[in-house]
Amino acid sequence: MGDEQAEGGCHLVHTVVLIALAATGGGATWGHGKAWARLPCVSRNRRLL
């Protein structure tokens, strides 16, 4: 029972971290966000940023 609870908590932490990175533009700083933004399909559809 303890392992199941720990695994659920881990998923929650990862979810919060991913939301925080998306909200703060973490991809442009630590990932491929700049290259993604230069793609033609993304340039035409700014909501993909």
N, C-alpha and C. Protein backbone atom coordinates (compact mmCIF):
# COMPACT_ATOMS: atom_id res chain seq x y z
N MET A 1 0.82 -1.19 0.00
CA MET A 1 0.00 0.00 0.00
C MET A 1 0.87 1.26 0.00
N GLY A 2 1.97 1.26 0.67
CA GLY A 2 2.85 2.42 0.73
C GLY A 2 3.47 2.75 -0.61
N ASP A 3 3.84 1.72 -1.38
CA ASP A 3 4.44 1.95 -2.69
C ASP A 3 3.46 2.62 -3.65
N GLU A 4 2.20 2.21 -3.58
CA GLU A 4 1.19 2.80 -4.45
C GLU A 4 1.00 4.28 -4.13
N GLN A 5 1.02 4.63 -2.88
CA GLN A 5 0.86 6.01 -2.48
C GLN A 5 2.08 6.83 -2.90
N ALA A 6 3.27 6.29 -2.76
CA ALA A 6 4.48 6.99 -3.15
C ALA A 6 4.50 7.22 -4.65
N GLU A 7 4.06 6.23 -5.43
CA GLU A 7 4.04 6.38 -6.88
C GLU A 7 3.05 7.47 -7.30
N GLY A 8 1.91 7.53 -6.67
CA GLY A 8 0.93 8.56 -6.97
C GLY A 8 1.45 9.95 -6.65
N GLY A 9 2.16 10.08 -5.56
CA GLY A 9 2.76 11.36 -5.19
C GLY A 9 3.82 11.79 -6.19
N CYS A 10 4.56 10.83 -6.70
CA CYS A 10 5.60 11.12 -7.69
C CYS A 10 4.96 11.67 -8.97
N HIS A 11 3.84 11.07 -9.39
CA HIS A 11 3.14 11.56 -10.58
C HIS A 11 2.65 12.98 -10.37
N LEU A 12 2.18 13.26 -9.18
CA LEU A 12 1.70 14.60 -8.87
C LEU A 12 2.83 15.62 -8.95
N VAL A 13 3.98 15.28 -8.41
CA VAL A 13 5.14 16.18 -8.45
C VAL A 13 5.56 16.42 -9.90
N HIS A 14 5.64 15.38 -10.70
CA HIS A 14 6.02 15.56 -12.11
C HIS A 14 5.01 16.41 -12.85
N THR A 15 3.74 16.24 -12.56
CA THR A 15 2.70 17.04 -13.20
C THR A 15 2.87 18.51 -12.86
N VAL A 16 3.10 18.80 -11.60
CA VAL A 16 3.27 20.19 -11.17
C VAL A 16 4.51 20.79 -11.82
N VAL A 17 5.60 20.04 -11.89
CA VAL A 17 6.84 20.54 -12.50
C VAL A 17 6.62 20.83 -13.98
N LEU A 18 5.95 19.94 -14.70
CA LEU A 18 5.71 20.16 -16.13
C LEU A 18 4.82 21.37 -16.36
N ILE A 19 3.81 21.55 -15.54
CA ILE A 19 2.95 22.73 -15.68
C ILE A 19 3.74 24.01 -15.41
N ALA A 20 4.59 23.99 -14.40
CA ALA A 20 5.41 25.16 -14.08
C ALA A 20 6.37 25.49 -15.23
N LEU A 21 6.98 24.48 -15.81
CA LEU A 21 7.88 24.72 -16.94
C LEU A 21 7.14 25.29 -18.14
N ALA A 22 5.97 24.75 -18.42
CA ALA A 22 5.17 25.25 -19.54
C ALA A 22 4.73 26.69 -19.29
N ALA A 23 4.33 27.00 -18.07
CA ALA A 23 3.84 28.34 -17.75
C ALA A 23 4.95 29.39 -17.77
N THR A 24 6.17 29.00 -17.46
CA THR A 24 7.27 29.96 -17.39
C THR A 24 8.14 29.97 -18.64
N GLY A 25 7.79 29.19 -19.65
CA GLY A 25 8.59 29.16 -20.87
C GLY A 25 9.89 28.41 -20.69
N GLY A 26 9.90 27.40 -19.87
CA GLY A 26 11.11 26.63 -19.59
C GLY A 26 11.71 25.97 -20.81
N GLY A 27 10.90 25.67 -21.80
CA GLY A 27 11.41 25.03 -23.02
C GLY A 27 12.37 25.92 -23.79
N ALA A 28 12.10 27.22 -23.80
CA ALA A 28 12.98 28.15 -24.51
C ALA A 28 14.31 28.30 -23.79
N THR A 29 14.31 28.11 -22.49
CA THR A 29 15.53 28.27 -21.71
C THR A 29 16.33 26.99 -21.62
N TRP A 30 15.66 25.87 -21.34
CA TRP A 30 16.36 24.61 -21.05
C TRP A 30 16.15 23.53 -22.09
N GLY A 31 15.46 23.82 -23.16
CA GLY A 31 15.14 22.75 -24.10
C GLY A 31 15.26 23.19 -25.55
N HIS A 32 14.33 22.71 -26.34
CA HIS A 32 14.34 22.96 -27.78
C HIS A 32 13.30 24.00 -28.17
N GLY A 33 12.92 24.86 -27.24
CA GLY A 33 11.87 25.85 -27.49
C GLY A 33 12.18 26.81 -28.61
N LYS A 34 13.42 27.25 -28.73
CA LYS A 34 13.78 28.20 -29.79
C LYS A 34 13.72 27.53 -31.15
N ALA A 35 14.21 26.32 -31.25
CA ALA A 35 14.13 25.58 -32.52
C ALA A 35 12.68 25.28 -32.86
N TRP A 36 11.88 24.93 -31.87
CA TRP A 36 10.44 24.66 -32.07
C TRP A 36 9.75 25.92 -32.62
N ALA A 37 10.06 27.08 -32.06
CA ALA A 37 9.42 28.32 -32.48
C ALA A 37 9.77 28.69 -33.92
N ARG A 38 10.92 28.23 -34.42
CA ARG A 38 11.33 28.54 -35.79
C ARG A 38 10.69 27.64 -36.84
N LEU A 39 10.05 26.56 -36.41
CA LEU A 39 9.40 25.67 -37.38
C LEU A 39 8.28 26.41 -38.11
N PRO A 40 8.17 26.21 -39.43
CA PRO A 40 7.14 26.92 -40.20
C PRO A 40 5.72 26.69 -39.68
N CYS A 41 5.38 25.46 -39.32
CA CYS A 41 4.01 25.19 -38.85
C CYS A 41 3.74 25.89 -37.52
N VAL A 42 4.76 26.04 -36.69
CA VAL A 42 4.59 26.74 -35.42
C VAL A 42 4.52 28.23 -35.64
N SER A 43 5.30 28.74 -36.60
CA SER A 43 5.26 30.17 -36.91
C SER A 43 3.88 30.60 -37.39
N ARG A 44 3.22 29.72 -38.14
CA ARG A 44 1.87 30.03 -38.63
C ARG A 44 0.81 29.86 -37.55
N ASN A 45 1.05 29.01 -36.58
CA ASN A 45 0.10 28.72 -35.51
C ASN A 45 0.72 29.05 -34.17
N ARG A 46 0.70 30.30 -33.80
CA ARG A 46 1.39 30.77 -32.60
C ARG A 46 0.87 30.13 -31.31
N ARG A 47 -0.33 29.57 -31.34
CA ARG A 47 -0.87 28.94 -30.13
C ARG A 47 -0.08 27.67 -29.75
N LEU A 48 0.77 27.19 -30.64
CA LEU A 48 1.59 26.01 -30.36
C LEU A 48 2.80 26.34 -29.50
N LEU A 49 3.04 27.62 -29.30
CA LEU A 49 4.21 28.01 -28.48
C LEU A 49 3.98 27.75 -27.04
